[in-house]
Amino acid sequence: MKLDGDTSSNQDGSQASTLPNDVPAPARRRLERKGDDEQETKVSPKQVAEDTIKSVLPNQAEIVPGSIQVSPLRQMAGILIDLIVMIKMKSGGSRTVNMQIECPNFTPRRIRIDGVWHSIV
C-alpha cells in the first residue's frame, strides 16, 4: 500500500488517485495534495488513525484500518479474527474496543470484547 500521494493519468489527461479505499477522506486529501515545490506529502500511521476517528459519524463504529489479524485455530480447524473497532458517540467522545471472533470450523461461535467472551450462537 503506497501512502505517498501516488497518482496516475486518465485517458483525458486528468489525474486519478491510486490510494486504497480504506484511507479516510481527510488523509486522502492530504496524501493527494502536493506543495508548491512539488514535494510529496508524507502521513504517519498516527495521523491516519486520528483522521479515522474524525471521519466516523456519531453513534457509529468503524474498523481501524490495518488492525485486522487472522490466526488459525487448532491445526486449521477454524480461525480467530482479531480487530480494533473505533466507536464515536454523539457526546463527541470516542472509544476503541479490542475484539476477537472465534470461528471453529469457520463458523462464528463467540466474540471477545475487551477481554470478556460472549456467545453469539
PDB file of N, CA and C in Angstrom:
ATOM      1  N   MET A   1       0.849  -1.173   0.000  1.00  0.00           N
ATOM      2  CA  MET A   1       0.000   0.000   0.000  1.00  0.00           C
ATOM      3  C   MET A   1       0.887   1.225   0.000  1.00  0.00           C
ATOM      4  N   LYS A   2       0.731   2.091  -0.982  1.00  0.00           N
ATOM      5  CA  LYS A   2       1.528   3.294  -1.086  1.00  0.00           C
ATOM      6  C   LYS A   2       0.772   4.441  -0.465  1.00  0.00           C
ATOM      7  N   LEU A   3       1.390   5.161   0.437  1.00  0.00           N
ATOM      8  CA  LEU A   3       0.740   6.289   1.088  1.00  0.00           C
ATOM      9  C   LEU A   3       1.486   7.580   0.806  1.00  0.00           C
ATOM     10  N   ASP A   4       1.976   7.767  -0.393  1.00  0.00           N
ATOM     11  CA  ASP A   4       2.744   8.969  -0.680  1.00  0.00           C
ATOM     12  C   ASP A   4       2.103   9.827  -1.761  1.00  0.00           C
ATOM     13  N   GLY A   5       0.792   9.665  -1.986  1.00  0.00           N
ATOM     14  CA  GLY A   5       0.095  10.510  -2.946  1.00  0.00           C
ATOM     15  C   GLY A   5       0.295  10.092  -4.387  1.00  0.00           C
ATOM     16  N   ASP A   6       0.546   8.832  -4.635  1.00  0.00           N
ATOM     17  CA  ASP A   6       0.760   8.315  -5.968  1.00  0.00           C
ATOM     18  C   ASP A   6      -0.503   8.504  -6.803  1.00  0.00           C
ATOM     19  N   THR A   7      -0.361   9.035  -8.001  1.00  0.00           N
ATOM     20  CA  THR A   7      -1.492   9.217  -8.896  1.00  0.00           C
ATOM     21  C   THR A   7      -1.133   8.678 -10.259  1.00  0.00           C
ATOM     22  N   SER A   8      -2.153   8.432 -11.076  1.00  0.00           N
ATOM     23  CA  SER A   8      -1.934   8.009 -12.447  1.00  0.00           C
ATOM     24  C   SER A   8      -2.796   8.880 -13.348  1.00  0.00           C
ATOM     25  N   SER A   9      -2.453   8.953 -14.635  1.00  0.00           N
ATOM     26  CA  SER A   9      -3.192   9.801 -15.568  1.00  0.00           C
ATOM     27  C   SER A   9      -4.293   9.005 -16.237  1.00  0.00           C
ATOM     28  N   ASN A  10      -5.479   9.641 -16.377  1.00  0.00           N
ATOM     29  CA  ASN A  10      -6.580   9.061 -17.131  1.00  0.00           C
ATOM     30  C   ASN A  10      -6.354   9.330 -18.610  1.00  0.00           C
ATOM     31  N   GLN A  11      -7.223   8.775 -19.488  1.00  0.00           N
ATOM     32  CA  GLN A  11      -7.095   8.997 -20.918  1.00  0.00           C
ATOM     33  C   GLN A  11      -7.250  10.464 -21.276  1.00  0.00           C
ATOM     34  N   ASP A  12      -8.069  11.208 -20.520  1.00  0.00           N
ATOM     35  CA  ASP A  12      -8.279  12.618 -20.819  1.00  0.00           C
ATOM     36  C   ASP A  12      -7.192  13.514 -20.231  1.00  0.00           C
ATOM     37  N   GLY A  13      -6.166  12.939 -19.597  1.00  0.00           N
ATOM     38  CA  GLY A  13      -5.061  13.713 -19.051  1.00  0.00           C
ATOM     39  C   GLY A  13      -5.235  14.121 -17.603  1.00  0.00           C
ATOM     40  N   SER A  14      -6.429  13.877 -17.017  1.00  0.00           N
ATOM     41  CA  SER A  14      -6.637  14.237 -15.615  1.00  0.00           C
ATOM     42  C   SER A  14      -5.955  13.222 -14.714  1.00  0.00           C
ATOM     43  N   GLN A  15      -5.718  13.612 -13.475  1.00  0.00           N
ATOM     44  CA  GLN A  15      -5.046  12.740 -12.517  1.00  0.00           C
ATOM     45  C   GLN A  15      -6.078  11.922 -11.743  1.00  0.00           C
ATOM     46  N   ALA A  16      -5.847  10.616 -11.590  1.00  0.00           N
ATOM     47  CA  ALA A  16      -6.717   9.738 -10.814  1.00  0.00           C
ATOM     48  C   ALA A  16      -5.915   9.171  -9.660  1.00  0.00           C
ATOM     49  N   SER A  17      -6.518   9.109  -8.503  1.00  0.00           N
ATOM     50  CA  SER A  17      -5.830   8.604  -7.323  1.00  0.00           C
ATOM     51  C   SER A  17      -5.751   7.088  -7.361  1.00  0.00           C
ATOM     52  N   THR A  18      -4.624   6.537  -6.895  1.00  0.00           N
ATOM     53  CA  THR A  18      -4.476   5.091  -6.777  1.00  0.00           C
ATOM     54  C   THR A  18      -4.402   4.684  -5.317  1.00  0.00           C
ATOM     55  N   LEU A  19      -4.867   5.554  -4.410  1.00  0.00           N
ATOM     56  CA  LEU A  19      -4.853   5.240  -2.984  1.00  0.00           C
ATOM     57  C   LEU A  19      -5.930   4.211  -2.685  1.00  0.00           C
ATOM     58  N   PRO A  20      -5.719   3.344  -1.692  1.00  0.00           N
ATOM     59  CA  PRO A  20      -6.736   2.361  -1.333  1.00  0.00           C
ATOM     60  C   PRO A  20      -7.981   3.052  -0.780  1.00  0.00           C
ATOM     61  N   ASN A  21      -9.136   2.392  -0.920  1.00  0.00           N
ATOM     62  CA  ASN A  21     -10.403   2.970  -0.483  1.00  0.00           C
ATOM     63  C   ASN A  21     -10.526   3.084   1.023  1.00  0.00           C
ATOM     64  N   ASP A  22      -9.714   2.355   1.811  1.00  0.00           N
ATOM     65  CA  ASP A  22      -9.853   2.396   3.265  1.00  0.00           C
ATOM     66  C   ASP A  22      -9.147   3.581   3.909  1.00  0.00           C
ATOM     67  N   VAL A  23      -8.528   4.463   3.103  1.00  0.00           N
ATOM     68  CA  VAL A  23      -7.889   5.661   3.654  1.00  0.00           C
ATOM     69  C   VAL A  23      -8.975   6.715   3.847  1.00  0.00           C
ATOM     70  N   PRO A  24      -9.166   7.249   5.084  1.00  0.00           N
ATOM     71  CA  PRO A  24     -10.210   8.240   5.338  1.00  0.00           C
ATOM     72  C   PRO A  24     -10.039   9.479   4.462  1.00  0.00           C
ATOM     73  N   ALA A  25     -11.158  10.164   4.186  1.00  0.00           N
ATOM     74  CA  ALA A  25     -11.160  11.313   3.275  1.00  0.00           C
ATOM     75  C   ALA A  25     -10.154  12.395   3.661  1.00  0.00           C
ATOM     76  N   PRO A  26     -10.054  12.833   4.951  1.00  0.00           N
ATOM     77  CA  PRO A  26      -9.074  13.876   5.273  1.00  0.00           C
ATOM     78  C   PRO A  26      -7.638  13.449   4.965  1.00  0.00           C
ATOM     79  N   ALA A  27      -7.305  12.205   5.278  1.00  0.00           N
ATOM     80  CA  ALA A  27      -5.956  11.707   4.995  1.00  0.00           C
ATOM     81  C   ALA A  27      -5.752  11.577   3.489  1.00  0.00           C
ATOM     82  N   ARG A  28      -6.801  11.143   2.779  1.00  0.00           N
ATOM     83  CA  ARG A  28      -6.718  11.004   1.321  1.00  0.00           C
ATOM     84  C   ARG A  28      -6.410  12.357   0.681  1.00  0.00           C
ATOM     85  N   ARG A  29      -7.116  13.427   1.117  1.00  0.00           N
ATOM     86  CA  ARG A  29      -6.859  14.757   0.557  1.00  0.00           C
ATOM     87  C   ARG A  29      -5.426  15.196   0.835  1.00  0.00           C
ATOM     88  N   ARG A  30      -4.938  14.935   2.057  1.00  0.00           N
ATOM     89  CA  ARG A  30      -3.587  15.334   2.427  1.00  0.00           C
ATOM     90  C   ARG A  30      -2.561  14.548   1.610  1.00  0.00           C
ATOM     91  N   LEU A  31      -2.853  13.264   1.346  1.00  0.00           N
ATOM     92  CA  LEU A  31      -1.922  12.439   0.579  1.00  0.00           C
ATOM     93  C   LEU A  31      -1.888  12.859  -0.891  1.00  0.00           C
ATOM     94  N   GLU A  32      -3.045  13.244  -1.438  1.00  0.00           N
ATOM     95  CA  GLU A  32      -3.113  13.585  -2.848  1.00  0.00           C
ATOM     96  C   GLU A  32      -2.587  14.986  -3.133  1.00  0.00           C
ATOM     97  N   ARG A  33      -2.539  15.843  -2.117  1.00  0.00           N
ATOM     98  CA  ARG A  33      -2.108  17.227  -2.289  1.00  0.00           C
ATOM     99  C   ARG A  33      -0.583  17.297  -2.329  1.00  0.00           C
ATOM    100  N   LYS A  34      -0.063  18.141  -3.186  1.00  0.00           N
ATOM    101  CA  LYS A  34       1.381  18.374  -3.237  1.00  0.00           C
ATOM    102  C   LYS A  34       1.629  19.849  -2.993  1.00  0.00           C
ATOM    103  N   GLY A  35       2.774  20.178  -2.428  1.00  0.00           N
ATOM    104  CA  GLY A  35       3.120  21.563  -2.126  1.00  0.00           C
ATOM    105  C   GLY A  35       3.525  22.326  -3.373  1.00  0.00           C
ATOM    106  N   ASP A  36       3.815  23.626  -3.200  1.00  0.00           N
ATOM    107  CA  ASP A  36       4.219  24.477  -4.318  1.00  0.00           C
ATOM    108  C   ASP A  36       5.519  24.000  -4.953  1.00  0.00           C
ATOM    109  N   ASP A  37       6.398  23.405  -4.155  1.00  0.00           N
ATOM    110  CA  ASP A  37       7.679  22.941  -4.677  1.00  0.00           C
ATOM    111  C   ASP A  37       7.624  21.485  -5.140  1.00  0.00           C
ATOM    112  N   GLU A  38       6.408  20.933  -5.295  1.00  0.00           N
ATOM    113  CA  GLU A  38       6.172  19.579  -5.793  1.00  0.00           C
ATOM    114  C   GLU A  38       6.804  18.487  -4.931  1.00  0.00           C
ATOM    115  N   GLN A  39       6.970  18.735  -3.629  1.00  0.00           N
ATOM    116  CA  GLN A  39       7.448  17.680  -2.743  1.00  0.00           C
ATOM    117  C   GLN A  39       6.258  16.836  -2.317  1.00  0.00           C
ATOM    118  N   GLU A  40       6.464  15.520  -2.232  1.00  0.00           N
ATOM    119  CA  GLU A  40       5.384  14.630  -1.841  1.00  0.00           C
ATOM    120  C   GLU A  40       5.106  14.757  -0.356  1.00  0.00           C
ATOM    121  N   THR A  41       3.818  14.648   0.010  1.00  0.00           N
ATOM    122  CA  THR A  41       3.394  14.755   1.402  1.00  0.00           C
ATOM    123  C   THR A  41       3.462  13.374   2.044  1.00  0.00           C
ATOM    124  N   LYS A  42       4.038  13.276   3.232  1.00  0.00           N
ATOM    125  CA  LYS A  42       4.107  12.020   3.979  1.00  0.00           C
ATOM    126  C   LYS A  42       3.134  12.095   5.145  1.00  0.00           C
ATOM    127  N   VAL A  43       2.440  10.988   5.442  1.00  0.00           N
ATOM    128  CA  VAL A  43       1.476  10.935   6.536  1.00  0.00           C
ATOM    129  C   VAL A  43       1.823   9.756   7.423  1.00  0.00           C
ATOM    130  N   SER A  44       1.855   9.996   8.723  1.00  0.00           N
ATOM    131  CA  SER A  44       2.180   8.936   9.673  1.00  0.00           C
ATOM    132  C   SER A  44       0.948   8.074   9.947  1.00  0.00           C
ATOM    133  N   PRO A  45       1.145   6.808  10.381  1.00  0.00           N
ATOM    134  CA  PRO A  45       0.010   5.964  10.757  1.00  0.00           C
ATOM    135  C   PRO A  45      -0.836   6.599  11.859  1.00  0.00           C
ATOM    136  N   LYS A  46      -0.188   7.341  12.769  1.00  0.00           N
ATOM    137  CA  LYS A  46      -0.927   8.010  13.841  1.00  0.00           C
ATOM    138  C   LYS A  46      -1.912   9.018  13.253  1.00  0.00           C
ATOM    139  N   GLN A  47      -1.481   9.764  12.239  1.00  0.00           N
ATOM    140  CA  GLN A  47      -2.361  10.757  11.615  1.00  0.00           C
ATOM    141  C   GLN A  47      -3.524  10.075  10.904  1.00  0.00           C
ATOM    142  N   VAL A  48      -3.276   8.925  10.255  1.00  0.00           N
ATOM    143  CA  VAL A  48      -4.349   8.184   9.599  1.00  0.00           C
ATOM    144  C   VAL A  48      -5.364   7.732  10.639  1.00  0.00           C
ATOM    145  N   ALA A  49      -4.897   7.241  11.811  1.00  0.00           N
ATOM    146  CA  ALA A  49      -5.808   6.818  12.879  1.00  0.00           C
ATOM    147  C   ALA A  49      -6.621   7.999  13.398  1.00  0.00           C
ATOM    148  N   GLU A  50      -5.983   9.168  13.572  1.00  0.00           N
ATOM    149  CA  GLU A  50      -6.711  10.352  14.039  1.00  0.00           C
ATOM    150  C   GLU A  50      -7.755  10.786  13.018  1.00  0.00           C
ATOM    151  N   ASP A  51      -7.422  10.720  11.734  1.00  0.00           N
ATOM    152  CA  ASP A  51      -8.383  11.067  10.694  1.00  0.00           C
ATOM    153  C   ASP A  51      -9.535  10.067  10.662  1.00  0.00           C
ATOM    154  N   THR A  52      -9.244   8.790  10.956  1.00  0.00           N
ATOM    155  CA  THR A  52     -10.291   7.782  11.024  1.00  0.00           C
ATOM    156  C   THR A  52     -11.267   8.120  12.134  1.00  0.00           C
ATOM    157  N   ILE A  53     -10.756   8.519  13.303  1.00  0.00           N
ATOM    158  CA  ILE A  53     -11.613   8.895  14.423  1.00  0.00           C
ATOM    159  C   ILE A  53     -12.512  10.056  14.017  1.00  0.00           C
ATOM    160  N   LYS A  54     -11.954  11.060  13.344  1.00  0.00           N
ATOM    161  CA  LYS A  54     -12.724  12.236  12.940  1.00  0.00           C
ATOM    162  C   LYS A  54     -13.749  11.900  11.866  1.00  0.00           C
ATOM    163  N   SER A  55     -13.457  10.911  11.008  1.00  0.00           N
ATOM    164  CA  SER A  55     -14.353  10.605   9.897  1.00  0.00           C
ATOM    165  C   SER A  55     -15.529   9.718  10.287  1.00  0.00           C
ATOM    166  N   VAL A  56     -15.489   9.058  11.449  1.00  0.00           N
ATOM    167  CA  VAL A  56     -16.587   8.204  11.887  1.00  0.00           C
ATOM    168  C   VAL A  56     -17.717   9.095  12.382  1.00  0.00           C
ATOM    169  N   LEU A  57     -18.924   8.871  11.890  1.00  0.00           N
ATOM    170  CA  LEU A  57     -20.073   9.657  12.317  1.00  0.00           C
ATOM    171  C   LEU A  57     -20.459   9.301  13.746  1.00  0.00           C
ATOM    172  N   PRO A  58     -21.117  10.242  14.489  1.00  0.00           N
ATOM    173  CA  PRO A  58     -21.538   9.950  15.863  1.00  0.00           C
ATOM    174  C   PRO A  58     -22.444   8.721  15.926  1.00  0.00           C
ATOM    175  N   ASN A  59     -22.321   7.967  17.014  1.00  0.00           N
ATOM    176  CA  ASN A  59     -23.087   6.742  17.253  1.00  0.00           C
ATOM    177  C   ASN A  59     -22.869   5.696  16.164  1.00  0.00           C
ATOM    178  N   GLN A  60     -21.667   5.655  15.625  1.00  0.00           N
ATOM    179  CA  GLN A  60     -21.318   4.641  14.649  1.00  0.00           C
ATOM    180  C   GLN A  60     -19.970   4.039  15.008  1.00  0.00           C
ATOM    181  N   ALA A  61     -19.691   2.905  14.417  1.00  0.00           N
ATOM    182  CA  ALA A  61     -18.419   2.227  14.662  1.00  0.00           C
ATOM    183  C   ALA A  61     -17.748   1.937  13.326  1.00  0.00           C
ATOM    184  N   GLU A  62     -16.425   1.871  13.368  1.00  0.00           N
ATOM    185  CA  GLU A  62     -15.645   1.592  12.168  1.00  0.00           C
ATOM    186  C   GLU A  62     -14.419   0.782  12.563  1.00  0.00           C
ATOM    187  N   ILE A  63     -14.061  -0.189  11.744  1.00  0.00           N
ATOM    188  CA  ILE A  63     -12.854  -0.972  11.990  1.00  0.00           C
ATOM    189  C   ILE A  63     -11.649  -0.100  11.669  1.00  0.00           C
ATOM    190  N   VAL A  64     -10.691  -0.039  12.582  1.00  0.00           N
ATOM    191  CA  VAL A  64      -9.482   0.752  12.374  1.00  0.00           C
ATOM    192  C   VAL A  64      -8.666   0.085  11.258  1.00  0.00           C
ATOM    193  N   PRO A  65      -8.337   0.833  10.190  1.00  0.00           N
ATOM    194  CA  PRO A  65      -7.579   0.245   9.080  1.00  0.00           C
ATOM    195  C   PRO A  65      -6.259  -0.370   9.552  1.00  0.00           C
ATOM    196  N   GLY A  66      -5.961  -1.542   9.038  1.00  0.00           N
ATOM    197  CA  GLY A  66      -4.712  -2.218   9.373  1.00  0.00           C
ATOM    198  C   GLY A  66      -4.740  -2.977  10.685  1.00  0.00           C
ATOM    199  N   SER A  67      -5.909  -3.046  11.347  1.00  0.00           N
ATOM    200  CA  SER A  67      -5.965  -3.683  12.664  1.00  0.00           C
ATOM    201  C   SER A  67      -6.440  -5.132  12.620  1.00  0.00           C
ATOM    202  N   ILE A  68      -6.866  -5.626  11.479  1.00  0.00           N
ATOM    203  CA  ILE A  68      -7.416  -6.983  11.392  1.00  0.00           C
ATOM    204  C   ILE A  68      -6.289  -8.001  11.240  1.00  0.00           C
ATOM    205  N   GLN A  69      -6.326  -9.032  12.099  1.00  0.00           N
ATOM    206  CA  GLN A  69      -5.377 -10.143  12.015  1.00  0.00           C
ATOM    207  C   GLN A  69      -6.171 -11.442  12.089  1.00  0.00           C
ATOM    208  N   VAL A  70      -5.825 -12.396  11.249  1.00  0.00           N
ATOM    209  CA  VAL A  70      -6.495 -13.693  11.232  1.00  0.00           C
ATOM    210  C   VAL A  70      -5.467 -14.760  11.573  1.00  0.00           C
ATOM    211  N   SER A  71      -5.795 -15.603  12.570  1.00  0.00           N
ATOM    212  CA  SER A  71      -4.890 -16.669  13.013  1.00  0.00           C
ATOM    213  C   SER A  71      -5.604 -18.010  12.921  1.00  0.00           C
ATOM    214  N   PRO A  72      -4.880 -19.069  12.556  1.00  0.00           N
ATOM    215  CA  PRO A  72      -5.512 -20.395  12.501  1.00  0.00           C
ATOM    216  C   PRO A  72      -5.785 -20.938  13.899  1.00  0.00           C
ATOM    217  N   LEU A  73      -6.838 -21.735  14.024  1.00  0.00           N
ATOM    218  CA  LEU A  73      -7.177 -22.418  15.274  1.00  0.00           C
ATOM    219  C   LEU A  73      -6.870 -23.903  15.128  1.00  0.00           C
ATOM    220  N   ARG A  74      -6.309 -24.489  16.144  1.00  0.00           N
ATOM    221  CA  ARG A  74      -6.133 -25.944  16.261  1.00  0.00           C
ATOM    222  C   ARG A  74      -5.920 -26.660  14.931  1.00  0.00           C
ATOM    223  N   GLN A  75      -4.760 -26.562  14.390  1.00  0.00           N
ATOM    224  CA  GLN A  75      -4.369 -27.249  13.156  1.00  0.00           C
ATOM    225  C   GLN A  75      -5.337 -26.961  12.009  1.00  0.00           C
ATOM    226  N   MET A  76      -5.646 -25.684  11.824  1.00  0.00           N
ATOM    227  CA  MET A  76      -6.513 -25.206  10.739  1.00  0.00           C
ATOM    228  C   MET A  76      -7.943 -25.731  10.826  1.00  0.00           C
ATOM    229  N   ALA A  77      -8.430 -25.958  12.043  1.00  0.00           N
ATOM    230  CA  ALA A  77      -9.821 -26.371  12.233  1.00  0.00           C
ATOM    231  C   ALA A  77     -10.712 -25.150  12.429  1.00  0.00           C
ATOM    232  N   GLY A  78     -10.273 -24.012  11.968  1.00  0.00           N
ATOM    233  CA  GLY A  78     -11.020 -22.764  12.108  1.00  0.00           C
ATOM    234  C   GLY A  78     -10.061 -21.590  12.175  1.00  0.00           C
ATOM    235  N   ILE A  79     -10.612 -20.409  12.488  1.00  0.00           N
ATOM    236  CA  ILE A  79      -9.792 -19.204  12.572  1.00  0.00           C
ATOM    237  C   ILE A  79     -10.192 -18.357  13.775  1.00  0.00           C
ATOM    238  N   LEU A  80      -9.273 -17.480  14.180  1.00  0.00           N
ATOM    239  CA  LEU A  80      -9.517 -16.478  15.214  1.00  0.00           C
ATOM    240  C   LEU A  80      -9.236 -15.125  14.567  1.00  0.00           C
ATOM    241  N   ILE A  81     -10.230 -14.241  14.587  1.00  0.00           N
ATOM    242  CA  ILE A  81     -10.102 -12.927  13.964  1.00  0.00           C
ATOM    243  C   ILE A  81      -9.923 -11.885  15.061  1.00  0.00           C
ATOM    244  N   ASP A  82      -8.806 -11.145  15.022  1.00  0.00           N
ATOM    245  CA  ASP A  82      -8.537 -10.043  15.954  1.00  0.00           C
ATOM    246  C   ASP A  82      -8.726  -8.735  15.197  1.00  0.00           C
ATOM    247  N   LEU A  83      -9.399  -7.765  15.827  1.00  0.00           N
ATOM    248  CA  LEU A  83      -9.570  -6.462  15.208  1.00  0.00           C
ATOM    249  C   LEU A  83      -9.799  -5.383  16.253  1.00  0.00           C
ATOM    250  N   ILE A  84      -9.614  -4.138  15.853  1.00  0.00           N
ATOM    251  CA  ILE A  84      -9.861  -2.994  16.724  1.00  0.00           C
ATOM    252  C   ILE A  84     -10.964  -2.170  16.073  1.00  0.00           C
ATOM    253  N   VAL A  85     -11.987  -1.828  16.874  1.00  0.00           N
ATOM    254  CA  VAL A  85     -13.127  -1.054  16.385  1.00  0.00           C
ATOM    255  C   VAL A  85     -13.136   0.302  17.074  1.00  0.00           C
ATOM    256  N   MET A  86     -13.320   1.370  16.293  1.00  0.00           N
ATOM    257  CA  MET A  86     -13.419   2.728  16.821  1.00  0.00           C
ATOM    258  C   MET A  86     -14.897   3.086  16.912  1.00  0.00           C
ATOM    259  N   ILE A  87     -15.356   3.460  18.114  1.00  0.00           N
ATOM    260  CA  ILE A  87     -16.746   3.853  18.333  1.00  0.00           C
ATOM    261  C   ILE A  87     -16.762   5.338  18.661  1.00  0.00           C
ATOM    262  N   LYS A  88     -17.576   6.094  17.935  1.00  0.00           N
ATOM    263  CA  LYS A  88     -17.695   7.534  18.187  1.00  0.00           C
ATOM    264  C   LYS A  88     -19.112   7.819  18.676  1.00  0.00           C
ATOM    265  N   MET A  89     -19.220   8.523  19.809  1.00  0.00           N
ATOM    266  CA  MET A  89     -20.512   8.798  20.425  1.00  0.00           C
ATOM    267  C   MET A  89     -20.993  10.210  20.104  1.00  0.00           C
ATOM    268  N   LYS A  90     -22.316  10.432  20.237  1.00  0.00           N
ATOM    269  CA  LYS A  90     -22.892  11.754  19.980  1.00  0.00           C
ATOM    270  C   LYS A  90     -22.286  12.818  20.878  1.00  0.00           C
ATOM    271  N   SER A  91     -21.878  12.433  22.082  1.00  0.00           N
ATOM    272  CA  SER A  91     -21.313  13.393  23.031  1.00  0.00           C
ATOM    273  C   SER A  91     -19.968  13.943  22.560  1.00  0.00           C
ATOM    274  N   GLY A  92     -19.425  13.361  21.501  1.00  0.00           N
ATOM    275  CA  GLY A  92     -18.143  13.821  20.978  1.00  0.00           C
ATOM    276  C   GLY A  92     -16.983  12.943  21.396  1.00  0.00           C
ATOM    277  N   GLY A  93     -17.201  12.069  22.359  1.00  0.00           N
ATOM    278  CA  GLY A  93     -16.151  11.160  22.800  1.00  0.00           C
ATOM    279  C   GLY A  93     -16.000   9.987  21.848  1.00  0.00           C
ATOM    280  N   SER A  94     -14.871   9.336  21.929  1.00  0.00           N
ATOM    281  CA  SER A  94     -14.651   8.146  21.120  1.00  0.00           C
ATOM    282  C   SER A  94     -13.951   7.099  21.970  1.00  0.00           C
ATOM    283  N   ARG A  95     -14.072   5.846  21.548  1.00  0.00           N
ATOM    284  CA  ARG A  95     -13.500   4.737  22.309  1.00  0.00           C
ATOM    285  C   ARG A  95     -13.062   3.658  21.334  1.00  0.00           C
ATOM    286  N   THR A  96     -11.933   3.037  21.625  1.00  0.00           N
ATOM    287  CA  THR A  96     -11.509   1.892  20.832  1.00  0.00           C
ATOM    288  C   THR A  96     -11.805   0.628  21.614  1.00  0.00           C
ATOM    289  N   VAL A  97     -12.232  -0.400  20.905  1.00  0.00           N
ATOM    290  CA  VAL A  97     -12.581  -1.677  21.515  1.00  0.00           C
ATOM    291  C   VAL A  97     -11.778  -2.766  20.814  1.00  0.00           C
ATOM    292  N   ASN A  98     -11.056  -3.572  21.590  1.00  0.00           N
ATOM    293  CA  ASN A  98     -10.342  -4.724  21.042  1.00  0.00           C
ATOM    294  C   ASN A  98     -11.317  -5.890  20.975  1.00  0.00           C
ATOM    295  N   MET A  99     -11.407  -6.533  19.815  1.00  0.00           N
ATOM    296  CA  MET A  99     -12.341  -7.641  19.635  1.00  0.00           C
ATOM    297  C   MET A  99     -11.618  -8.855  19.073  1.00  0.00           C
ATOM    298  N   GLN A 100     -12.084 -10.038  19.473  1.00  0.00           N
ATOM    299  CA  GLN A 100     -11.635 -11.305  18.901  1.00  0.00           C
ATOM    300  C   GLN A 100     -12.884 -12.111  18.576  1.00  0.00           C
ATOM    301  N   ILE A 101     -12.925 -12.684  17.399  1.00  0.00           N
ATOM    302  CA  ILE A 101     -14.047 -13.525  16.998  1.00  0.00           C
ATOM    303  C   ILE A 101     -13.501 -14.924  16.760  1.00  0.00           C
ATOM    304  N   GLU A 102     -14.017 -15.884  17.522  1.00  0.00           N
ATOM    305  CA  GLU A 102     -13.577 -17.276  17.412  1.00  0.00           C
ATOM    306  C   GLU A 102     -14.499 -17.997  16.437  1.00  0.00           C
ATOM    307  N   CYS A 103     -13.920 -18.624  15.424  1.00  0.00           N
ATOM    308  CA  CYS A 103     -14.686 -19.308  14.384  1.00  0.00           C
ATOM    309  C   CYS A 103     -14.194 -20.745  14.209  1.00  0.00           C
ATOM    310  N   PRO A 104     -14.546 -21.654  15.157  1.00  0.00           N
ATOM    311  CA  PRO A 104     -14.167 -23.052  14.951  1.00  0.00           C
ATOM    312  C   PRO A 104     -14.947 -23.609  13.758  1.00  0.00           C
ATOM    313  N   ASN A 105     -14.295 -24.412  12.953  1.00  0.00           N
ATOM    314  CA  ASN A 105     -14.888 -24.950  11.726  1.00  0.00           C
ATOM    315  C   ASN A 105     -15.401 -23.826  10.825  1.00  0.00           C
ATOM    316  N   PHE A 106     -14.767 -22.649  10.928  1.00  0.00           N
ATOM    317  CA  PHE A 106     -15.058 -21.480  10.104  1.00  0.00           C
ATOM    318  C   PHE A 106     -16.493 -20.969  10.269  1.00  0.00           C
ATOM    319  N   THR A 107     -17.090 -21.204  11.450  1.00  0.00           N
ATOM    320  CA  THR A 107     -18.416 -20.701  11.796  1.00  0.00           C
ATOM    321  C   THR A 107     -18.292 -19.877  13.069  1.00  0.00           C
ATOM    322  N   PRO A 108     -18.710 -18.595  13.065  1.00  0.00           N
ATOM    323  CA  PRO A 108     -18.589 -17.780  14.279  1.00  0.00           C
ATOM    324  C   PRO A 108     -19.318 -18.418  15.460  1.00  0.00           C
ATOM    325  N   ARG A 109     -18.648 -18.500  16.613  1.00  0.00           N
ATOM    326  CA  ARG A 109     -19.241 -19.113  17.793  1.00  0.00           C
ATOM    327  C   ARG A 109     -19.329 -18.140  18.952  1.00  0.00           C
ATOM    328  N   ARG A 110     -18.247 -17.439  19.221  1.00  0.00           N
ATOM    329  CA  ARG A 110     -18.248 -16.487  20.329  1.00  0.00           C
ATOM    330  C   ARG A 110     -17.329 -15.324  19.996  1.00  0.00           C
ATOM    331  N   ILE A 111     -17.548 -14.209  20.722  1.00  0.00           N
ATOM    332  CA  ILE A 111     -16.788 -12.988  20.485  1.00  0.00           C
ATOM    333  C   ILE A 111     -16.233 -12.486  21.807  1.00  0.00           C
ATOM    334  N   ARG A 112     -15.013 -12.001  21.774  1.00  0.00           N
ATOM    335  CA  ARG A 112     -14.354 -11.462  22.969  1.00  0.00           C
ATOM    336  C   ARG A 112     -14.219  -9.954  22.801  1.00  0.00           C
ATOM    337  N   ILE A 113     -14.860  -9.216  23.703  1.00  0.00           N
ATOM    338  CA  ILE A 113     -14.827  -7.757  23.647  1.00  0.00           C
ATOM    339  C   ILE A 113     -14.150  -7.256  24.904  1.00  0.00           C
ATOM    340  N   ASP A 114     -13.023  -6.571  24.729  1.00  0.00           N
ATOM    341  CA  ASP A 114     -12.219  -6.056  25.846  1.00  0.00           C
ATOM    342  C   ASP A 114     -11.991  -7.110  26.929  1.00  0.00           C
ATOM    343  N   GLY A 115     -11.650  -8.335  26.509  1.00  0.00           N
ATOM    344  CA  GLY A 115     -11.269  -9.384  27.449  1.00  0.00           C
ATOM    345  C   GLY A 115     -12.400 -10.252  27.974  1.00  0.00           C
ATOM    346  N   VAL A 116     -13.660 -10.003  27.590  1.00  0.00           N
ATOM    347  CA  VAL A 116     -14.806 -10.781  28.080  1.00  0.00           C
ATOM    348  C   VAL A 116     -15.437 -11.521  26.899  1.00  0.00           C
ATOM    349  N   TRP A 117     -15.544 -12.866  27.018  1.00  0.00           N
ATOM    350  CA  TRP A 117     -16.133 -13.686  25.961  1.00  0.00           C
ATOM    351  C   TRP A 117     -17.656 -13.654  26.044  1.00  0.00           C
ATOM    352  N   HIS A 118     -18.322 -13.563  24.867  1.00  0.00           N
ATOM    353  CA  HIS A 118     -19.780 -13.592  24.752  1.00  0.00           C
ATOM    354  C   HIS A 118     -20.138 -14.614  23.680  1.00  0.00           C
ATOM    355  N   SER A 119     -21.151 -15.454  23.941  1.00  0.00           N
ATOM    356  CA  SER A 119     -21.596 -16.439  22.964  1.00  0.00           C
ATOM    357  C   SER A 119     -22.454 -15.748  21.906  1.00  0.00           C
ATOM    358  N   ILE A 120     -22.234 -16.069  20.640  1.00  0.00           N
ATOM    359  CA  ILE A 120     -23.035 -15.483  19.566  1.00  0.00           C
ATOM    360  C   ILE A 120     -23.776 -16.551  18.776  1.00  0.00           C
ATOM    361  N   VAL A 121     -23.807 -17.783  19.281  1.00  0.00           N
ATOM    362  CA  VAL A 121     -24.505 -18.875  18.594  1.00  0.00           C
ATOM    363  C   VAL A 121     -25.900 -18.996  19.157  1.00  0.00           C
TER     364      VAL A 121
END
